[in-house]
Amino acid sequence: MHSGGRDEILGTAYSDHDLVVFLEGVGVAEPEAIWDAPQWVEWRGGQAHEFHAA
């Protein structure tokens, strides 16, 4: 999230549902519409929508 001139990490998603919760929490009305947009979501450690136990 970009707020007040700085970027802020909202948290680590362990499922697509977690990602929806983070995005809705910052006011995104339709999270599924933007979760593959790199300017909104940075996928780390794997492909988009792939979640693995550590």
C-alpha atoms as a PDB file:
ATOM      1  CA  MET A   1       0.000   0.000   0.000  1.00  0.00           C
ATOM      2  CA  HIS A   2       1.236   3.504  -0.751  1.00  0.00           C
ATOM      3  CA  SER A   3       0.181   6.045   1.840  1.00  0.00           C
ATOM      4  CA  GLY A   4       1.592   9.328   3.012  1.00  0.00           C
ATOM      5  CA  GLY A   5       4.416   9.236   0.485  1.00  0.00           C
ATOM      6  CA  ARG A   6       5.680   5.806   1.514  1.00  0.00           C
ATOM      7  CA  ASP A   7       5.029   2.146   0.762  1.00  0.00           C
ATOM      8  CA  GLU A   8       3.687  -0.087   3.506  1.00  0.00           C
ATOM      9  CA  ILE A   9       3.434  -3.884   3.527  1.00  0.00           C
ATOM     10  CA  LEU A  10      -0.021  -4.927   4.698  1.00  0.00           C
ATOM     11  CA  GLY A  11       0.976  -8.454   5.642  1.00  0.00           C
ATOM     12  CA  THR A  12       1.711 -11.891   4.302  1.00  0.00           C
ATOM     13  CA  ALA A  13      -1.114 -13.701   2.549  1.00  0.00           C
ATOM     14  CA  TYR A  14      -1.324 -17.448   3.017  1.00  0.00           C
ATOM     15  CA  SER A  15      -4.334 -17.791   0.710  1.00  0.00           C
ATOM     16  CA  ASP A  16      -6.268 -15.785  -1.859  1.00  0.00           C
ATOM     17  CA  HIS A  17      -8.801 -15.101   0.898  1.00  0.00           C
ATOM     18  CA  ASP A  18      -6.080 -13.404   2.988  1.00  0.00           C
ATOM     19  CA  LEU A  19      -5.229 -11.193   0.022  1.00  0.00           C
ATOM     20  CA  VAL A  20      -8.896 -10.232  -0.405  1.00  0.00           C
ATOM     21  CA  VAL A  21      -9.092  -9.319   3.297  1.00  0.00           C
ATOM     22  CA  PHE A  22      -5.977  -7.109   3.067  1.00  0.00           C
ATOM     23  CA  LEU A  23      -7.231  -5.290  -0.029  1.00  0.00           C
ATOM     24  CA  GLU A  24     -10.767  -4.824   1.306  1.00  0.00           C
ATOM     25  CA  GLY A  25      -9.235  -3.468   4.517  1.00  0.00           C
ATOM     26  CA  VAL A  26      -7.671  -0.596   2.583  1.00  0.00           C
ATOM     27  CA  GLY A  27     -10.870   0.141   0.690  1.00  0.00           C
ATOM     28  CA  VAL A  28     -10.519  -1.840  -2.545  1.00  0.00           C
ATOM     29  CA  ALA A  29     -14.118  -2.658  -3.509  1.00  0.00           C
ATOM     30  CA  GLU A  30     -13.328  -5.483  -5.969  1.00  0.00           C
ATOM     31  CA  PRO A  31     -10.008  -7.056  -4.912  1.00  0.00           C
ATOM     32  CA  GLU A  32     -10.166  -9.891  -7.443  1.00  0.00           C
ATOM     33  CA  ALA A  33     -10.159  -7.301 -10.231  1.00  0.00           C
ATOM     34  CA  ILE A  34      -6.706  -5.987  -9.253  1.00  0.00           C
ATOM     35  CA  TRP A  35      -4.861  -8.777  -7.440  1.00  0.00           C
ATOM     36  CA  ASP A  36      -2.893  -9.708 -10.559  1.00  0.00           C
ATOM     37  CA  ALA A  37      -1.896  -6.094 -11.276  1.00  0.00           C
ATOM     38  CA  PRO A  38       1.786  -5.656 -10.336  1.00  0.00           C
ATOM     39  CA  GLN A  39       1.250  -2.051  -9.292  1.00  0.00           C
ATOM     40  CA  TRP A  40      -1.067  -3.345  -6.529  1.00  0.00           C
ATOM     41  CA  VAL A  41       0.237  -6.761  -5.502  1.00  0.00           C
ATOM     42  CA  GLU A  42       3.787  -8.075  -5.373  1.00  0.00           C
ATOM     43  CA  TRP A  43       3.937 -11.865  -5.394  1.00  0.00           C
ATOM     44  CA  ARG A  44       7.056 -13.175  -3.659  1.00  0.00           C
ATOM     45  CA  GLY A  45       8.501 -16.647  -3.395  1.00  0.00           C
ATOM     46  CA  GLY A  46       6.369 -18.280  -6.064  1.00  0.00           C
ATOM     47  CA  GLN A  47       3.748 -17.835  -8.713  1.00  0.00           C
ATOM     48  CA  ALA A  48       0.557 -15.854  -8.138  1.00  0.00           C
ATOM     49  CA  HIS A  49      -2.123 -17.748  -6.224  1.00  0.00           C
ATOM     50  CA  GLU A  50       0.259 -20.571  -5.211  1.00  0.00           C
ATOM     51  CA  PHE A  51       0.618 -20.907  -1.467  1.00  0.00           C
ATOM     52  CA  HIS A  52       2.829 -23.492   0.240  1.00  0.00           C
ATOM     53  CA  ALA A  53       3.522 -24.374   3.842  1.00  0.00           C
ATOM     54  CA  ALA A  54       6.893 -23.171   5.053  1.00  0.00           C
END
